[in-house]
Amino acid sequence: MEKQDKGDVVDNAIKGLGLTPQETAAAFEPWVIDRMPVDSPRWRGIVAREFAKSRRRLLKRRLLGWWPGVKRTQDVVDQRYSHYWARRIYPSLDAPCGKGDTSWIEWRHEGFVARRGAIARPLLTYVGKLFDILNPASVLEAGAGNGINLFVLASSFPGTRFTGLELTAPGVARMRQVIAEAMIPDALATYTPLSLRDRAAPGRVAVSQGSAAAMPYPDKHFDVALTITALEQMNAISAQALAELRRVARRYVVMVEPFPDFNTTTLRTTYIRSKDYWSVPVARLASHGLRPVAVYDDVPHKLRLGVGIVVAAV
């Protein structure tokens, strides 16, 4: 009974967790280049153009869905993101803003042009506050990419053992390079919205290459399993990925993802269908053995794709 009571206390603390507008703005706005009201002619024009692009992409998918490389299989994800992580550097306010380095973003009735990395900073701020509550001894990030989230969180939580699982060889190679250097890169030390408590954090991080559909870890091996815009690429293996997250997590699974619940506008639903992104709603997590404890989405969203946080108990 005492154990259950303690669990209820933690669940209630998670349910009440959020960011103040000031916390969100502090994390997000330094990376903003331009802003405007969402009812301004300029923003309405941007929305119309992005919707037209998504409709054309969706039509192409419907017409050529049989063509190799069109469906978002794990082989396609591996190929595309191997190229992506091989050339992607960590975000920096000093880096030039070329093609793909800015995003259209909406938050609280404003539209923004922001640098790459702007969206993740409020999300990481929330995850940091969540970890303050959970105090996990061990965390797995599935779909760790080039390690940006992993190293930021590890540098803020020196008492936690962090592990990254990544599908692509270039992503794993980049993380192992940072681990070998045993010091968080200057770009990430500047980028992090969290308290930097351990510059040598990469030396405590372990990395494996593999698929989220078959994780190379024992049952209940981690206190918390975490995904940050990784499940969005796993729609084709959604059942397997959710089963594996539940299997390896001892306490909670934290998903920072574009659930359909956060993407109800016509533009976003069209974009998600055109990209074959994550389509599992929050309510369906229960059928995979995951009990949603908190759902939070009062954060800046990309115009085309809304991401929120779902904390689910195992």
C-alpha atoms as a PDB file:
ATOM      1  CA  MET A   1       0.000   0.000   0.000  1.00  0.00           C
ATOM      2  CA  GLU A   2       2.871   2.340   0.837  1.00  0.00           C
ATOM      3  CA  LYS A   3       4.445   1.652  -2.561  1.00  0.00           C
ATOM      4  CA  GLN A   4       1.153   2.394  -4.291  1.00  0.00           C
ATOM      5  CA  ASP A   5       0.735   5.605  -2.312  1.00  0.00           C
ATOM      6  CA  LYS A   6       4.224   6.740  -3.340  1.00  0.00           C
ATOM      7  CA  GLY A   7       3.348   5.976  -6.961  1.00  0.00           C
ATOM      8  CA  ASP A   8       0.186   8.053  -6.689  1.00  0.00           C
ATOM      9  CA  VAL A   9       2.171  10.990  -5.291  1.00  0.00           C
ATOM     10  CA  VAL A  10       4.608  10.847  -8.212  1.00  0.00           C
ATOM     11  CA  ASP A  11       1.772  10.504 -10.729  1.00  0.00           C
ATOM     12  CA  ASN A  12       0.023  13.543  -9.268  1.00  0.00           C
ATOM     13  CA  ALA A  13       3.238  15.572  -9.410  1.00  0.00           C
ATOM     14  CA  ILE A  14       3.626  14.630 -13.088  1.00  0.00           C
ATOM     15  CA  LYS A  15       0.013  15.539 -13.841  1.00  0.00           C
ATOM     16  CA  GLY A  16       0.581  19.017 -12.434  1.00  0.00           C
ATOM     17  CA  LEU A  17       3.821  19.554 -14.322  1.00  0.00           C
ATOM     18  CA  GLY A  18       4.086  22.275 -16.931  1.00  0.00           C
ATOM     19  CA  LEU A  19       6.059  25.293 -18.051  1.00  0.00           C
ATOM     20  CA  THR A  20       5.191  28.877 -17.292  1.00  0.00           C
ATOM     21  CA  PRO A  21       4.964  31.130 -20.359  1.00  0.00           C
ATOM     22  CA  GLN A  22       8.122  32.799 -19.072  1.00  0.00           C
ATOM     23  CA  GLU A  23      10.010  29.486 -18.961  1.00  0.00           C
ATOM     24  CA  THR A  24       8.883  28.612 -22.480  1.00  0.00           C
ATOM     25  CA  ALA A  25       9.788  32.039 -23.818  1.00  0.00           C
ATOM     26  CA  ALA A  26      13.215  31.949 -22.145  1.00  0.00           C
ATOM     27  CA  ALA A  27      14.009  28.657 -23.852  1.00  0.00           C
ATOM     28  CA  PHE A  28      12.496  29.486 -27.236  1.00  0.00           C
ATOM     29  CA  GLU A  29      12.748  33.184 -28.032  1.00  0.00           C
ATOM     30  CA  PRO A  30      16.552  33.574 -28.202  1.00  0.00           C
ATOM     31  CA  TRP A  31      16.359  31.382 -31.307  1.00  0.00           C
ATOM     32  CA  VAL A  32      13.604  33.427 -32.976  1.00  0.00           C
ATOM     33  CA  ILE A  33      14.489  35.406 -36.104  1.00  0.00           C
ATOM     34  CA  ASP A  34      11.116  36.991 -36.869  1.00  0.00           C
ATOM     35  CA  ARG A  35       7.553  37.017 -35.508  1.00  0.00           C
ATOM     36  CA  MET A  36       4.080  38.113 -36.581  1.00  0.00           C
ATOM     37  CA  PRO A  37       0.393  37.649 -35.610  1.00  0.00           C
ATOM     38  CA  VAL A  38      -1.159  34.461 -36.973  1.00  0.00           C
ATOM     39  CA  ASP A  39      -3.994  36.515 -38.504  1.00  0.00           C
ATOM     40  CA  SER A  40      -1.605  38.734 -40.461  1.00  0.00           C
ATOM     41  CA  PRO A  41      -1.694  38.513 -44.275  1.00  0.00           C
ATOM     42  CA  ARG A  42       1.921  37.371 -44.344  1.00  0.00           C
ATOM     43  CA  TRP A  43       1.314  34.443 -41.998  1.00  0.00           C
ATOM     44  CA  ARG A  44      -1.879  33.431 -43.786  1.00  0.00           C
ATOM     45  CA  GLY A  45       0.108  33.376 -47.014  1.00  0.00           C
ATOM     46  CA  ILE A  46       2.750  31.130 -45.429  1.00  0.00           C
ATOM     47  CA  VAL A  47       0.040  28.742 -44.206  1.00  0.00           C
ATOM     48  CA  ALA A  48      -1.544  28.601 -47.664  1.00  0.00           C
ATOM     49  CA  ARG A  49       1.777  27.816 -49.359  1.00  0.00           C
ATOM     50  CA  GLU A  50       2.678  25.105 -46.849  1.00  0.00           C
ATOM     51  CA  PHE A  51      -0.761  23.519 -47.250  1.00  0.00           C
ATOM     52  CA  ALA A  52      -0.376  23.475 -51.029  1.00  0.00           C
ATOM     53  CA  LYS A  53       3.020  21.773 -50.672  1.00  0.00           C
ATOM     54  CA  SER A  54       1.582  19.123 -48.356  1.00  0.00           C
ATOM     55  CA  ARG A  55      -1.324  18.427 -50.702  1.00  0.00           C
ATOM     56  CA  ARG A  56       1.058  17.910 -53.620  1.00  0.00           C
ATOM     57  CA  ARG A  57       3.236  15.602 -51.505  1.00  0.00           C
ATOM     58  CA  LEU A  58       0.192  13.603 -50.382  1.00  0.00           C
ATOM     59  CA  LEU A  59      -1.019  13.230 -53.974  1.00  0.00           C
ATOM     60  CA  LYS A  60       2.406  11.968 -54.993  1.00  0.00           C
ATOM     61  CA  ARG A  61       2.367   9.420 -52.185  1.00  0.00           C
ATOM     62  CA  ARG A  62      -1.068   8.187 -53.205  1.00  0.00           C
ATOM     63  CA  LEU A  63      -0.076   7.874 -56.852  1.00  0.00           C
ATOM     64  CA  LEU A  64       3.398   6.413 -56.286  1.00  0.00           C
ATOM     65  CA  GLY A  65       2.968   4.627 -52.972  1.00  0.00           C
ATOM     66  CA  TRP A  66       4.084   1.386 -54.609  1.00  0.00           C
ATOM     67  CA  TRP A  67       7.403   2.920 -55.737  1.00  0.00           C
ATOM     68  CA  PRO A  68      10.491   1.856 -53.740  1.00  0.00           C
ATOM     69  CA  GLY A  69      11.536   4.580 -51.318  1.00  0.00           C
ATOM     70  CA  VAL A  70       8.141   6.286 -51.113  1.00  0.00           C
ATOM     71  CA  LYS A  71       6.807   4.360 -48.127  1.00  0.00           C
ATOM     72  CA  ARG A  72       8.514   5.200 -44.835  1.00  0.00           C
ATOM     73  CA  THR A  73       9.905   1.747 -44.091  1.00  0.00           C
ATOM     74  CA  GLN A  74      12.765   1.348 -41.615  1.00  0.00           C
ATOM     75  CA  ASP A  75      15.149   0.739 -44.519  1.00  0.00           C
ATOM     76  CA  VAL A  76      14.098   4.090 -46.015  1.00  0.00           C
ATOM     77  CA  VAL A  77      14.451   5.808 -42.629  1.00  0.00           C
ATOM     78  CA  ASP A  78      17.926   4.284 -42.202  1.00  0.00           C
ATOM     79  CA  GLN A  79      19.003   5.454 -45.648  1.00  0.00           C
ATOM     80  CA  ARG A  80      17.639   8.993 -45.333  1.00  0.00           C
ATOM     81  CA  TYR A  81      18.797   9.611 -41.796  1.00  0.00           C
ATOM     82  CA  SER A  82      22.214   8.086 -42.380  1.00  0.00           C
ATOM     83  CA  HIS A  83      22.726  10.910 -44.855  1.00  0.00           C
ATOM     84  CA  TYR A  84      21.130  13.412 -42.461  1.00  0.00           C
ATOM     85  CA  TRP A  85      23.250  12.555 -39.414  1.00  0.00           C
ATOM     86  CA  ALA A  86      26.430  12.306 -41.462  1.00  0.00           C
ATOM     87  CA  ARG A  87      26.263  16.009 -42.277  1.00  0.00           C
ATOM     88  CA  ARG A  88      24.208  17.508 -39.412  1.00  0.00           C
ATOM     89  CA  ILE A  89      26.055  19.685 -36.930  1.00  0.00           C
ATOM     90  CA  TYR A  90      24.752  20.685 -33.506  1.00  0.00           C
ATOM     91  CA  PRO A  91      22.569  23.837 -33.358  1.00  0.00           C
ATOM     92  CA  SER A  92      24.286  27.165 -32.825  1.00  0.00           C
ATOM     93  CA  LEU A  93      23.192  30.785 -32.722  1.00  0.00           C
ATOM     94  CA  ASP A  94      26.353  31.625 -34.635  1.00  0.00           C
ATOM     95  CA  ALA A  95      25.738  29.195 -37.505  1.00  0.00           C
ATOM     96  CA  PRO A  96      24.490  30.631 -40.832  1.00  0.00           C
ATOM     97  CA  CYS A  97      20.831  29.988 -41.600  1.00  0.00           C
ATOM     98  CA  GLY A  98      20.729  28.124 -44.890  1.00  0.00           C
ATOM     99  CA  LYS A  99      18.028  25.962 -46.420  1.00  0.00           C
ATOM    100  CA  GLY A 100      16.580  23.660 -43.767  1.00  0.00           C
ATOM    101  CA  ASP A 101      18.040  25.666 -40.880  1.00  0.00           C
ATOM    102  CA  THR A 102      14.859  27.599 -40.049  1.00  0.00           C
ATOM    103  CA  SER A 103      11.253  26.607 -39.360  1.00  0.00           C
ATOM    104  CA  TRP A 104       7.794  28.196 -39.389  1.00  0.00           C
ATOM    105  CA  ILE A 105       6.476  27.916 -35.826  1.00  0.00           C
ATOM    106  CA  GLU A 106       3.224  28.772 -34.026  1.00  0.00           C
ATOM    107  CA  TRP A 107       2.684  29.469 -30.338  1.00  0.00           C
ATOM    108  CA  ARG A 108      -0.053  31.348 -28.511  1.00  0.00           C
ATOM    109  CA  HIS A 109      -1.502  33.197 -31.520  1.00  0.00           C
ATOM    110  CA  GLU A 110       1.862  34.211 -32.948  1.00  0.00           C
ATOM    111  CA  GLY A 111       3.815  32.957 -35.926  1.00  0.00           C
ATOM    112  CA  PHE A 112       7.596  32.768 -35.828  1.00  0.00           C
ATOM    113  CA  VAL A 113      10.577  32.184 -38.040  1.00  0.00           C
ATOM    114  CA  ALA A 114      13.082  30.399 -35.792  1.00  0.00           C
ATOM    115  CA  ARG A 115      16.450  28.707 -36.053  1.00  0.00           C
ATOM    116  CA  ARG A 116      16.849  24.948 -36.073  1.00  0.00           C
ATOM    117  CA  GLY A 117      16.827  23.749 -32.481  1.00  0.00           C
ATOM    118  CA  ALA A 118      14.315  26.317 -31.220  1.00  0.00           C
ATOM    119  CA  ILE A 119      11.476  23.804 -30.837  1.00  0.00           C
ATOM    120  CA  ALA A 120      13.508  21.314 -28.804  1.00  0.00           C
ATOM    121  CA  ARG A 121      14.633  23.728 -26.093  1.00  0.00           C
ATOM    122  CA  PRO A 122      11.226  24.128 -24.343  1.00  0.00           C
ATOM    123  CA  LEU A 123      10.638  20.387 -24.733  1.00  0.00           C
ATOM    124  CA  LEU A 124      13.976  19.623 -23.075  1.00  0.00           C
ATOM    125  CA  THR A 125      13.107  22.115 -20.338  1.00  0.00           C
ATOM    126  CA  TYR A 126       9.947  20.116 -19.606  1.00  0.00           C
ATOM    127  CA  VAL A 127      11.840  16.801 -19.666  1.00  0.00           C
ATOM    128  CA  GLY A 128      14.384  18.279 -17.271  1.00  0.00           C
ATOM    129  CA  LYS A 129      11.638  19.244 -14.814  1.00  0.00           C
ATOM    130  CA  LEU A 130      10.123  15.771 -15.223  1.00  0.00           C
ATOM    131  CA  PHE A 131      13.440  14.111 -14.394  1.00  0.00           C
ATOM    132  CA  ASP A 132      13.717  16.309 -11.308  1.00  0.00           C
ATOM    133  CA  ILE A 133      10.509  14.597 -10.136  1.00  0.00           C
ATOM    134  CA  LEU A 134      11.347  11.062 -11.273  1.00  0.00           C
ATOM    135  CA  ASN A 135      15.042  11.115 -10.321  1.00  0.00           C
ATOM    136  CA  PRO A 136      15.705   8.133 -12.611  1.00  0.00           C
ATOM    137  CA  ALA A 137      18.802   6.015 -12.037  1.00  0.00           C
ATOM    138  CA  SER A 138      18.848   5.007 -15.698  1.00  0.00           C
ATOM    139  CA  VAL A 139      17.384   6.395 -18.935  1.00  0.00           C
ATOM    140  CA  LEU A 140      17.265   4.986 -22.454  1.00  0.00           C
ATOM    141  CA  GLU A 141      16.730   7.312 -25.397  1.00  0.00           C
ATOM    142  CA  ALA A 142      15.470   5.284 -28.358  1.00  0.00           C
ATOM    143  CA  GLY A 143      16.210   6.950 -31.677  1.00  0.00           C
ATOM    144  CA  ALA A 144      18.982   9.106 -30.238  1.00  0.00           C
ATOM    145  CA  GLY A 145      20.133  10.555 -33.590  1.00  0.00           C
ATOM    146  CA  ASN A 146      23.454  12.347 -33.154  1.00  0.00           C
ATOM    147  CA  GLY A 147      23.054  12.512 -29.371  1.00  0.00           C
ATOM    148  CA  ILE A 148      21.969  16.110 -28.918  1.00  0.00           C
ATOM    149  CA  ASN A 149      19.194  15.308 -26.404  1.00  0.00           C
ATOM    150  CA  LEU A 150      21.190  12.548 -24.748  1.00  0.00           C
ATOM    151  CA  PHE A 151      24.234  14.709 -24.031  1.00  0.00           C
ATOM    152  CA  VAL A 152      22.193  17.731 -22.947  1.00  0.00           C
ATOM    153  CA  LEU A 153      20.244  15.656 -20.413  1.00  0.00           C
ATOM    154  CA  ALA A 154      23.311  13.731 -19.227  1.00  0.00           C
ATOM    155  CA  SER A 155      25.154  16.995 -18.567  1.00  0.00           C
ATOM    156  CA  SER A 156      22.301  18.121 -16.325  1.00  0.00           C
ATOM    157  CA  PHE A 157      21.758  14.848 -14.426  1.00  0.00           C
ATOM    158  CA  PRO A 158      25.158  13.529 -13.303  1.00  0.00           C
ATOM    159  CA  GLY A 159      23.583  10.850 -11.095  1.00  0.00           C
ATOM    160  CA  THR A 160      21.721   9.198 -13.969  1.00  0.00           C
ATOM    161  CA  ARG A 161      23.071   6.513 -16.309  1.00  0.00           C
ATOM    162  CA  PHE A 162      22.128   7.385 -19.910  1.00  0.00           C
ATOM    163  CA  THR A 163      22.035   5.029 -22.886  1.00  0.00           C
ATOM    164  CA  GLY A 164      21.288   5.832 -26.514  1.00  0.00           C
ATOM    165  CA  LEU A 165      19.902   3.468 -29.146  1.00  0.00           C
ATOM    166  CA  GLU A 166      20.191   4.635 -32.760  1.00  0.00           C
ATOM    167  CA  LEU A 167      19.318   2.967 -36.048  1.00  0.00           C
ATOM    168  CA  THR A 168      21.884   4.688 -38.258  1.00  0.00           C
ATOM    169  CA  ALA A 169      25.632   4.090 -38.329  1.00  0.00           C
ATOM    170  CA  PRO A 170      26.521   7.798 -38.836  1.00  0.00           C
ATOM    171  CA  GLY A 171      24.408   8.794 -35.825  1.00  0.00           C
ATOM    172  CA  VAL A 172      26.142   6.198 -33.653  1.00  0.00           C
ATOM    173  CA  ALA A 173      29.550   7.261 -35.002  1.00  0.00           C
ATOM    174  CA  ARG A 174      28.900  10.903 -34.106  1.00  0.00           C
ATOM    175  CA  MET A 175      27.830   9.991 -30.562  1.00  0.00           C
ATOM    176  CA  ARG A 176      30.847   7.747 -30.069  1.00  0.00           C
ATOM    177  CA  GLN A 177      33.101  10.558 -31.253  1.00  0.00           C
ATOM    178  CA  VAL A 178      31.716  12.851 -28.544  1.00  0.00           C
ATOM    179  CA  ILE A 179      31.940  10.051 -25.955  1.00  0.00           C
ATOM    180  CA  ALA A 180      35.595   9.494 -26.877  1.00  0.00           C
ATOM    181  CA  GLU A 181      36.287  13.188 -26.392  1.00  0.00           C
ATOM    182  CA  ALA A 182      34.658  12.793 -22.939  1.00  0.00           C
ATOM    183  CA  MET A 183      33.510  16.410 -22.881  1.00  0.00           C
ATOM    184  CA  ILE A 184      30.256  17.974 -24.006  1.00  0.00           C
ATOM    185  CA  PRO A 185      30.865  20.001 -27.199  1.00  0.00           C
ATOM    186  CA  ASP A 186      30.897  23.768 -26.781  1.00  0.00           C
ATOM    187  CA  ALA A 187      27.905  24.061 -29.128  1.00  0.00           C
ATOM    188  CA  LEU A 188      25.780  21.877 -26.827  1.00  0.00           C
ATOM    189  CA  ALA A 189      27.083  23.577 -23.683  1.00  0.00           C
ATOM    190  CA  THR A 190      25.747  26.828 -25.171  1.00  0.00           C
ATOM    191  CA  TYR A 191      22.595  25.254 -26.586  1.00  0.00           C
ATOM    192  CA  THR A 192      21.296  23.501 -23.470  1.00  0.00           C
ATOM    193  CA  PRO A 193      18.338  25.173 -21.707  1.00  0.00           C
ATOM    194  CA  LEU A 194      19.134  23.165 -18.553  1.00  0.00           C
ATOM    195  CA  SER A 195      21.674  23.681 -15.797  1.00  0.00           C
ATOM    196  CA  LEU A 196      25.067  22.450 -16.989  1.00  0.00           C
ATOM    197  CA  ARG A 197      26.297  20.364 -14.074  1.00  0.00           C
ATOM    198  CA  ASP A 198      28.772  17.971 -15.693  1.00  0.00           C
ATOM    199  CA  ARG A 199      30.888  18.957 -18.712  1.00  0.00           C
ATOM    200  CA  ALA A 200      32.331  15.425 -18.731  1.00  0.00           C
ATOM    201  CA  ALA A 201      28.864  13.860 -19.105  1.00  0.00           C
ATOM    202  CA  PRO A 202      29.566  12.116 -22.466  1.00  0.00           C
ATOM    203  CA  GLY A 203      31.965   9.793 -20.670  1.00  0.00           C
ATOM    204  CA  ARG A 204      28.973   8.366 -18.766  1.00  0.00           C
ATOM    205  CA  VAL A 205      26.855   7.718 -21.867  1.00  0.00           C
ATOM    206  CA  ALA A 206      26.587   4.302 -23.547  1.00  0.00           C
ATOM    207  CA  VAL A 207      25.464   3.879 -27.170  1.00  0.00           C
ATOM    208  CA  SER A 208      24.161   0.924 -29.168  1.00  0.00           C
ATOM    209  CA  GLN A 209      23.159   0.601 -32.808  1.00  0.00           C
ATOM    210  CA  GLY A 210      19.876  -1.147 -33.447  1.00  0.00           C
ATOM    211  CA  SER A 211      16.181  -0.919 -34.183  1.00  0.00           C
ATOM    212  CA  ALA A 212      13.513   0.153 -31.713  1.00  0.00           C
ATOM    213  CA  ALA A 213      11.536  -2.872 -32.927  1.00  0.00           C
ATOM    214  CA  ALA A 214      14.055  -5.230 -31.292  1.00  0.00           C
ATOM    215  CA  MET A 215      16.027  -3.487 -28.543  1.00  0.00           C
ATOM    216  CA  PRO A 216      19.206  -5.221 -27.319  1.00  0.00           C
ATOM    217  CA  TYR A 217      18.403  -4.827 -23.605  1.00  0.00           C
ATOM    218  CA  PRO A 218      16.897  -7.042 -20.877  1.00  0.00           C
ATOM    219  CA  ASP A 219      13.367  -6.561 -19.585  1.00  0.00           C
ATOM    220  CA  LYS A 220      12.876  -3.587 -17.220  1.00  0.00           C
ATOM    221  CA  HIS A 221      16.489  -2.532 -17.690  1.00  0.00           C
ATOM    222  CA  PHE A 222      15.861   1.249 -17.461  1.00  0.00           C
ATOM    223  CA  ASP A 223      13.840   3.375 -15.051  1.00  0.00           C
ATOM    224  CA  VAL A 224      12.677   5.542 -17.965  1.00  0.00           C
ATOM    225  CA  ALA A 225      12.539   5.001 -21.717  1.00  0.00           C
ATOM    226  CA  LEU A 226      12.500   8.236 -23.718  1.00  0.00           C
ATOM    227  CA  THR A 227      11.809   9.152 -27.334  1.00  0.00           C
ATOM    228  CA  ILE A 228      12.140  12.657 -28.774  1.00  0.00           C
ATOM    229  CA  THR A 229      10.728  13.008 -32.307  1.00  0.00           C
ATOM    230  CA  ALA A 230      11.852   9.464 -33.044  1.00  0.00           C
ATOM    231  CA  LEU A 231       8.551   7.556 -33.031  1.00  0.00           C
ATOM    232  CA  GLU A 232       7.407   9.934 -35.777  1.00  0.00           C
ATOM    233  CA  GLN A 233       9.633   7.854 -38.091  1.00  0.00           C
ATOM    234  CA  MET A 234       8.345   4.495 -36.781  1.00  0.00           C
ATOM    235  CA  ASN A 235       4.741   4.383 -37.906  1.00  0.00           C
ATOM    236  CA  ALA A 236       5.416   1.183 -39.865  1.00  0.00           C
ATOM    237  CA  ILE A 237       6.691  -0.546 -36.696  1.00  0.00           C
ATOM    238  CA  SER A 238       4.508   1.241 -34.157  1.00  0.00           C
ATOM    239  CA  ALA A 239       3.263  -1.906 -32.384  1.00  0.00           C
ATOM    240  CA  GLN A 240       6.745  -3.386 -32.074  1.00  0.00           C
ATOM    241  CA  ALA A 241       8.324  -0.109 -30.934  1.00  0.00           C
ATOM    242  CA  LEU A 242       5.703   0.505 -28.241  1.00  0.00           C
ATOM    243  CA  ALA A 243       5.978  -3.105 -27.041  1.00  0.00           C
ATOM    244  CA  GLU A 244       9.761  -2.752 -26.756  1.00  0.00           C
ATOM    245  CA  LEU A 245       9.568   0.576 -24.929  1.00  0.00           C
ATOM    246  CA  ARG A 246       7.186  -0.969 -22.433  1.00  0.00           C
ATOM    247  CA  ARG A 247       9.385  -4.068 -22.083  1.00  0.00           C
ATOM    248  CA  VAL A 248      12.658  -2.303 -21.310  1.00  0.00           C
ATOM    249  CA  ALA A 249      11.162   0.425 -19.069  1.00  0.00           C
ATOM    250  CA  ARG A 250      10.708  -0.230 -15.362  1.00  0.00           C
ATOM    251  CA  ARG A 251       8.680   2.872 -14.436  1.00  0.00           C
ATOM    252  CA  TYR A 252       7.754   5.294 -17.222  1.00  0.00           C
ATOM    253  CA  VAL A 253       7.908   5.813 -20.974  1.00  0.00           C
ATOM    254  CA  VAL A 254       8.219   9.465 -22.019  1.00  0.00           C
ATOM    255  CA  MET A 255       7.271  10.247 -25.619  1.00  0.00           C
ATOM    256  CA  VAL A 256       7.947  13.682 -27.094  1.00  0.00           C
ATOM    257  CA  GLU A 257       6.191  13.054 -30.364  1.00  0.00           C
ATOM    258  CA  PRO A 258       3.677  14.313 -32.968  1.00  0.00           C
ATOM    259  CA  PHE A 259       0.685  12.341 -31.718  1.00  0.00           C
ATOM    260  CA  PRO A 260      -2.486  12.889 -33.783  1.00  0.00           C
ATOM    261  CA  ASP A 261      -3.948  14.568 -30.677  1.00  0.00           C
ATOM    262  CA  PHE A 262      -1.571  17.498 -31.295  1.00  0.00           C
ATOM    263  CA  ASN A 263      -2.221  17.650 -35.049  1.00  0.00           C
ATOM    264  CA  THR A 264      -5.865  18.372 -35.753  1.00  0.00           C
ATOM    265  CA  THR A 265      -5.621  21.167 -38.340  1.00  0.00           C
ATOM    266  CA  THR A 266      -6.109  20.291 -41.981  1.00  0.00           C
ATOM    267  CA  LEU A 267      -2.570  21.396 -42.785  1.00  0.00           C
ATOM    268  CA  ARG A 268      -1.045  19.123 -40.150  1.00  0.00           C
ATOM    269  CA  THR A 269      -3.177  16.064 -40.881  1.00  0.00           C
ATOM    270  CA  THR A 270      -2.368  16.426 -44.581  1.00  0.00           C
ATOM    271  CA  TYR A 271       1.339  16.818 -43.856  1.00  0.00           C
ATOM    272  CA  ILE A 272       1.430  13.757 -41.575  1.00  0.00           C
ATOM    273  CA  ARG A 273      -0.347  11.589 -44.139  1.00  0.00           C
ATOM    274  CA  SER A 274       1.966  12.841 -46.856  1.00  0.00           C
ATOM    275  CA  LYS A 275       5.028  11.878 -44.799  1.00  0.00           C
ATOM    276  CA  ASP A 276       3.620   8.655 -43.288  1.00  0.00           C
ATOM    277  CA  TYR A 277       4.401   9.942 -39.806  1.00  0.00           C
ATOM    278  CA  TRP A 278       3.194   8.644 -36.428  1.00  0.00           C
ATOM    279  CA  SER A 279      -0.553   7.942 -36.406  1.00  0.00           C
ATOM    280  CA  VAL A 280      -1.132   6.289 -32.999  1.00  0.00           C
ATOM    281  CA  PRO A 281      -3.399   8.456 -30.773  1.00  0.00           C
ATOM    282  CA  VAL A 282      -2.761   8.800 -27.051  1.00  0.00           C
ATOM    283  CA  ALA A 283      -5.898   6.812 -26.190  1.00  0.00           C
ATOM    284  CA  ARG A 284      -4.511   3.759 -27.991  1.00  0.00           C
ATOM    285  CA  LEU A 285      -1.426   3.552 -25.773  1.00  0.00           C
ATOM    286  CA  ALA A 286      -3.429   1.643 -23.156  1.00  0.00           C
ATOM    287  CA  SER A 287      -3.825  -1.257 -25.573  1.00  0.00           C
ATOM    288  CA  HIS A 288      -0.014  -1.459 -25.635  1.00  0.00           C
ATOM    289  CA  GLY A 289       0.259  -1.655 -21.847  1.00  0.00           C
ATOM    290  CA  LEU A 290       1.088   2.027 -21.352  1.00  0.00           C
ATOM    291  CA  ARG A 291      -1.056   4.155 -19.012  1.00  0.00           C
ATOM    292  CA  PRO A 292      -0.941   7.867 -19.903  1.00  0.00           C
ATOM    293  CA  VAL A 293      -0.321   9.908 -16.765  1.00  0.00           C
ATOM    294  CA  ALA A 294       0.216  13.351 -18.310  1.00  0.00           C
ATOM    295  CA  VAL A 295      -0.248  14.948 -21.718  1.00  0.00           C
ATOM    296  CA  TYR A 296       1.306  18.364 -22.286  1.00  0.00           C
ATOM    297  CA  ASP A 297       1.423  20.467 -25.440  1.00  0.00           C
ATOM    298  CA  ASP A 298       1.580  24.149 -24.434  1.00  0.00           C
ATOM    299  CA  VAL A 299       4.859  24.550 -26.308  1.00  0.00           C
ATOM    300  CA  PRO A 300       5.780  26.123 -29.651  1.00  0.00           C
ATOM    301  CA  HIS A 301       4.817  23.874 -32.561  1.00  0.00           C
ATOM    302  CA  LYS A 302       6.027  23.709 -36.111  1.00  0.00           C
ATOM    303  CA  LEU A 303       3.381  25.057 -38.447  1.00  0.00           C
ATOM    304  CA  ARG A 304       3.180  21.703 -40.236  1.00  0.00           C
ATOM    305  CA  LEU A 305       3.713  19.364 -37.282  1.00  0.00           C
ATOM    306  CA  GLY A 306       2.725  19.677 -33.646  1.00  0.00           C
ATOM    307  CA  VAL A 307       4.787  17.880 -30.994  1.00  0.00           C
ATOM    308  CA  GLY A 308       3.761  17.369 -27.382  1.00  0.00           C
ATOM    309  CA  ILE A 309       4.820  15.266 -24.409  1.00  0.00           C
ATOM    310  CA  VAL A 310       3.085  12.102 -23.219  1.00  0.00           C
ATOM    311  CA  VAL A 311       4.246  10.532 -19.954  1.00  0.00           C
ATOM    312  CA  ALA A 312       2.983   6.958 -19.611  1.00  0.00           C
ATOM    313  CA  ALA A 313       3.373   4.589 -16.661  1.00  0.00           C
ATOM    314  CA  VAL A 314       4.348   0.997 -17.338  1.00  0.00           C
END
